[in-house]
Amino acid sequence: MIAHSYHHASDVIHALGNYEMTEMTLTGLDKLVQLLESPVFSALRLELVQPDTNPELFRSLAGILMLLPQSEAFTLLRNRLECVGVVRAAERTERNKAASGEQADSKLVKEMLSHFNEVQAQHALQNLKISES
């Protein structure tokens, strides 16, 4: 998944359904779900916000959810995937607003995003200087 080979990941996960789920396999899936919640996978989680761009990512995670017994990992992943539904509903609302002419001034939004990115770059540079000293 970290290699962004979501189609391949989806195929492998769905193939797992054809085999007996051993304790070792279930433990591995549980660890994978825990790892997906770590900072390393924050970019992947953000890709979930765009399910139309990466439908195989959503399909892969939904496949893992269906393989897991109800457990802490199951609950974590289910909650994460439910958030995608909330985001999609918000996107539909935003599209409806845009269609009715209520969209925010895009120039101002772009300027604010640019400013945010500049501030984040300055923070990263400052953190780098601190870590080097």
Protein backbone atom coordinates (compact mmCIF):
# COMPACT_ATOMS: atom_id res chain seq x y z
CA MET A 1 0.00 0.00 0.00
CA ILE A 2 2.81 2.43 0.78
CA ALA A 3 4.00 1.93 -2.82
CA HIS A 4 0.57 3.16 -4.01
CA SER A 5 -0.10 -0.16 -5.78
CA TYR A 6 -3.69 -0.13 -4.63
CA HIS A 7 -5.02 -2.32 -7.42
CA HIS A 8 -2.49 -5.03 -6.58
CA ALA A 9 -3.17 -4.66 -2.85
CA SER A 10 -6.89 -4.99 -3.50
CA ASP A 11 -6.37 -8.16 -5.55
CA VAL A 12 -4.20 -9.73 -2.83
CA ILE A 13 -6.64 -8.82 -0.06
CA HIS A 14 -9.60 -10.22 -1.96
CA ALA A 15 -7.62 -13.39 -2.74
CA LEU A 16 -7.11 -13.85 1.01
CA GLY A 17 -10.84 -14.41 1.28
CA ASN A 18 -10.42 -17.69 -0.58
CA TYR A 19 -8.20 -19.13 2.12
CA GLU A 20 -8.62 -20.08 5.74
CA MET A 21 -7.93 -17.11 7.99
CA THR A 22 -5.25 -18.29 10.37
CA GLU A 23 -4.40 -16.57 13.61
CA MET A 24 -1.14 -15.42 12.05
CA THR A 25 -2.96 -13.84 9.08
CA LEU A 26 -5.46 -12.10 11.34
CA THR A 27 -2.66 -10.84 13.57
CA GLY A 28 -0.87 -9.49 10.49
CA LEU A 29 -4.02 -7.68 9.34
CA ASP A 30 -4.49 -6.28 12.83
CA LYS A 31 -0.91 -4.96 12.83
CA LEU A 32 -1.46 -3.49 9.36
CA VAL A 33 -4.51 -1.57 10.58
CA GLN A 34 -2.52 -0.28 13.57
CA LEU A 35 0.28 0.77 11.20
CA LEU A 36 -2.18 2.57 8.92
CA GLU A 37 -3.06 4.76 11.90
CA SER A 38 0.57 5.77 12.38
CA PRO A 39 2.06 9.07 11.12
CA VAL A 40 3.91 7.21 8.35
CA PHE A 41 0.61 6.59 6.59
CA SER A 42 -0.91 10.06 6.99
CA ALA A 43 -0.56 10.75 3.25
CA LEU A 44 -2.36 7.49 2.47
CA ARG A 45 -5.17 8.41 4.85
CA LEU A 46 -5.50 11.76 3.11
CA GLU A 47 -5.86 9.93 -0.20
CA LEU A 48 -9.02 8.39 1.23
CA VAL A 49 -10.56 11.86 1.09
CA GLN A 50 -10.55 11.49 -2.70
CA PRO A 51 -12.20 8.11 -3.21
CA ASP A 52 -12.90 8.85 -6.88
CA THR A 53 -9.16 9.24 -7.49
CA ASN A 54 -8.18 6.05 -5.64
CA PRO A 55 -11.18 3.71 -5.55
CA GLU A 56 -8.86 0.69 -5.21
CA LEU A 57 -7.47 2.12 -1.96
CA PHE A 58 -10.95 2.27 -0.49
CA ARG A 59 -11.71 -1.19 -1.90
CA SER A 60 -8.52 -2.58 -0.31
CA LEU A 61 -9.30 -1.17 3.10
CA ALA A 62 -12.92 -2.28 2.89
CA GLY A 63 -11.66 -5.77 2.01
CA ILE A 64 -9.43 -5.80 5.10
CA LEU A 65 -12.40 -4.67 7.16
CA MET A 66 -14.49 -7.59 5.90
CA LEU A 67 -11.71 -10.07 6.72
CA LEU A 68 -11.21 -8.86 10.28
CA PRO A 69 -13.26 -10.21 13.14
CA GLN A 70 -14.87 -7.53 15.28
CA SER A 71 -12.00 -6.22 17.32
CA GLU A 72 -10.21 -2.98 18.11
CA ALA A 73 -8.61 -3.02 14.64
CA PHE A 74 -12.02 -3.61 13.07
CA THR A 75 -13.46 -0.62 14.93
CA LEU A 76 -10.53 1.63 14.01
CA LEU A 77 -10.77 0.79 10.33
CA ARG A 78 -14.57 0.98 10.26
CA ASN A 79 -14.45 4.45 11.83
CA ARG A 80 -11.81 5.55 9.32
CA LEU A 81 -13.88 4.33 6.38
CA GLU A 82 -17.06 5.92 7.78
CA CYS A 83 -15.22 9.25 7.69
CA VAL A 84 -14.88 8.84 3.93
CA GLY A 85 -18.67 8.75 3.66
CA VAL A 86 -18.91 11.98 5.66
CA VAL A 87 -16.34 13.64 3.39
CA ARG A 88 -18.20 12.52 0.27
CA ALA A 89 -21.43 14.00 1.64
CA ALA A 90 -19.62 17.28 2.34
CA GLU A 91 -18.23 17.29 -1.21
CA ARG A 92 -21.73 16.84 -2.63
CA THR A 93 -22.93 19.77 -0.52
CA GLU A 94 -20.02 21.89 -1.72
CA ARG A 95 -20.73 21.01 -5.36
CA ASN A 96 -24.36 22.01 -4.85
CA LYS A 97 -23.25 25.33 -3.38
CA ALA A 98 -20.86 25.91 -6.27
CA ALA A 99 -23.63 25.17 -8.75
CA SER A 100 -25.87 27.70 -7.05
CA GLY A 101 -23.20 30.41 -7.09
CA GLU A 102 -22.37 30.33 -3.36
CA GLN A 103 -18.75 29.21 -3.80
CA ALA A 104 -16.17 31.14 -1.77
CA ASP A 105 -13.86 33.53 -3.57
CA SER A 106 -11.34 31.09 -5.02
CA LYS A 107 -8.61 33.73 -5.30
CA LEU A 108 -8.74 34.40 -1.56
CA VAL A 109 -8.74 30.69 -0.81
CA LYS A 110 -5.70 30.17 -3.05
CA GLU A 111 -3.88 33.05 -1.34
CA MET A 112 -4.64 31.62 2.10
CA LEU A 113 -3.44 28.17 1.02
CA SER A 114 -0.26 29.66 -0.38
CA HIS A 115 0.35 31.50 2.89
CA PHE A 116 -0.28 28.31 4.85
CA ASN A 117 2.25 26.42 2.70
CA GLU A 118 4.85 29.18 3.19
CA VAL A 119 4.41 29.09 6.97
CA GLN A 120 4.68 25.28 6.99
CA ALA A 121 7.90 25.47 4.92
CA GLN A 122 9.33 28.01 7.39
CA HIS A 123 8.45 25.71 10.31
CA ALA A 124 10.10 22.76 8.57
CA LEU A 125 13.24 24.82 7.91
CA GLN A 126 13.32 25.99 11.52
CA ASN A 127 12.90 22.43 12.80
CA LEU A 128 15.72 21.29 10.52
CA LYS A 129 18.03 24.01 11.89
CA ILE A 130 17.15 23.04 15.46
CA SER A 131 17.81 19.35 14.82
CA GLU A 132 21.19 20.10 13.18
CA SER A 133 22.42 22.11 16.17
